[in-house]
C-alpha atoms as a PDB file:
ATOM      1  CA  UNK A   1     213.834 -86.494  37.048  1.00  0.00           C
ATOM      2  CA  UNK A   2     215.724 -86.333  40.294  1.00  0.00           C
ATOM      3  CA  UNK A   3     214.046 -87.637  43.397  1.00  0.00           C
ATOM      4  CA  UNK A   4     211.424 -89.666  41.559  1.00  0.00           C
ATOM      5  CA  UNK A   5     211.601 -93.370  42.190  1.00  0.00           C
ATOM      6  CA  UNK A   6     210.168 -95.616  39.522  1.00  0.00           C
ATOM      7  CA  UNK A   7     208.548 -98.938  40.251  1.00  0.00           C
ATOM      8  CA  UNK A   8     207.913-101.604  37.659  1.00  0.00           C
ATOM      9  CA  UNK A   9     204.315-102.519  37.045  1.00  0.00           C
ATOM     10  CA  UNK A  10     205.178-106.169  37.629  1.00  0.00           C
ATOM     11  CA  UNK A  11     206.316-105.347  41.162  1.00  0.00           C
ATOM     12  CA  UNK A  12     203.090-103.521  41.932  1.00  0.00           C
ATOM     13  CA  UNK A  13     200.966-106.348  40.547  1.00  0.00           C
ATOM     14  CA  UNK A  14     202.813-108.936  42.667  1.00  0.00           C
ATOM     15  CA  UNK A  15     201.698-107.115  45.810  1.00  0.00           C
ATOM     16  CA  UNK A  16     198.017-106.841  44.801  1.00  0.00           C
ATOM     17  CA  UNK A  17     195.320-109.071  46.193  1.00  0.00           C
ATOM     18  CA  UNK A  18     193.207-111.033  43.733  1.00  0.00           C
ATOM     19  CA  UNK A  19     190.381-108.489  44.088  1.00  0.00           C
ATOM     20  CA  UNK A  20     192.717-105.535  43.552  1.00  0.00           C
ATOM     21  CA  UNK A  21     194.217-107.182  40.477  1.00  0.00           C
ATOM     22  CA  UNK A  22     190.798-107.845  38.935  1.00  0.00           C
ATOM     23  CA  UNK A  23     189.767-104.232  39.587  1.00  0.00           C
ATOM     24  CA  UNK A  24     193.039-103.006  38.082  1.00  0.00           C
ATOM     25  CA  UNK A  25     192.545-105.140  34.958  1.00  0.00           C
ATOM     26  CA  UNK A  26     188.978-103.913  34.542  1.00  0.00           C
ATOM     27  CA  UNK A  27     190.012-100.255  34.888  1.00  0.00           C
ATOM     28  CA  UNK A  28     192.838-100.651  32.342  1.00  0.00           C
ATOM     29  CA  UNK A  29     190.445-102.337  29.932  1.00  0.00           C
ATOM     30  CA  UNK A  30     187.823 -99.607  30.281  1.00  0.00           C
ATOM     31  CA  UNK A  31     190.325 -96.735  30.001  1.00  0.00           C
ATOM     32  CA  UNK A  32     192.696 -98.030  27.322  1.00  0.00           C
ATOM     33  CA  UNK A  33     191.793-101.260  25.546  1.00  0.00           C
ATOM     34  CA  UNK A  34     188.083-100.681  24.963  1.00  0.00           C
ATOM     35  CA  UNK A  35     188.490 -97.183  23.429  1.00  0.00           C
ATOM     36  CA  UNK A  36     191.224 -98.478  21.109  1.00  0.00           C
ATOM     37  CA  UNK A  37     189.079-101.392  19.999  1.00  0.00           C
ATOM     38  CA  UNK A  38     186.059 -99.165  19.443  1.00  0.00           C
ATOM     39  CA  UNK A  39     188.185 -96.742  17.440  1.00  0.00           C
ATOM     40  CA  UNK A  40     189.480 -99.573  15.286  1.00  0.00           C
ATOM     41  CA  UNK A  41     185.967-100.870  14.647  1.00  0.00           C
ATOM     42  CA  UNK A  42     184.795 -97.377  13.680  1.00  0.00           C
ATOM     43  CA  UNK A  43     187.737 -96.947  11.302  1.00  0.00           C
ATOM     44  CA  UNK A  44     186.973-100.297   9.653  1.00  0.00           C
ATOM     45  CA  UNK A  45     183.323 -99.313   9.208  1.00  0.00           C
ATOM     46  CA  UNK A  46     184.342 -96.011   7.616  1.00  0.00           C
ATOM     47  CA  UNK A  47     186.786 -97.720   5.260  1.00  0.00           C
ATOM     48  CA  UNK A  48     184.200-100.340   4.303  1.00  0.00           C
ATOM     49  CA  UNK A  49     181.697 -97.589   3.507  1.00  0.00           C
ATOM     50  CA  UNK A  50     184.266 -95.765   1.367  1.00  0.00           C
ATOM     51  CA  UNK A  51     185.104 -98.961  -0.526  1.00  0.00           C
ATOM     52  CA  UNK A  52     181.418 -99.666  -1.154  1.00  0.00           C
ATOM     53  CA  UNK A  53     180.862 -96.122  -2.420  1.00  0.00           C
ATOM     54  CA  UNK A  54     183.896 -96.411  -4.708  1.00  0.00           C
ATOM     55  CA  UNK A  55     182.648 -99.745  -6.026  1.00  0.00           C
ATOM     56  CA  UNK A  56     179.224 -98.289  -6.814  1.00  0.00           C
ATOM     57  CA  UNK A  57     180.857 -95.344  -8.628  1.00  0.00           C
ATOM     58  CA  UNK A  58     183.068 -97.699 -10.614  1.00  0.00           C
ATOM     59  CA  UNK A  59     180.084 -99.785 -11.747  1.00  0.00           C
ATOM     60  CA  UNK A  60     178.284 -96.684 -13.043  1.00  0.00           C
END
């Protein structure tokens, strides 16, 4: 894109105060990391349930 200047995240973080950085980290965690982790946990629970159901069927 012409006319759009990109700035590296590292450069932005260098200029943040300690409070701004902590807020930034918390926001990133809440928006990106936490949903991914929760999705992974849900997927594991679903797979565990499927395996248990398959084991019960196999025993019968």
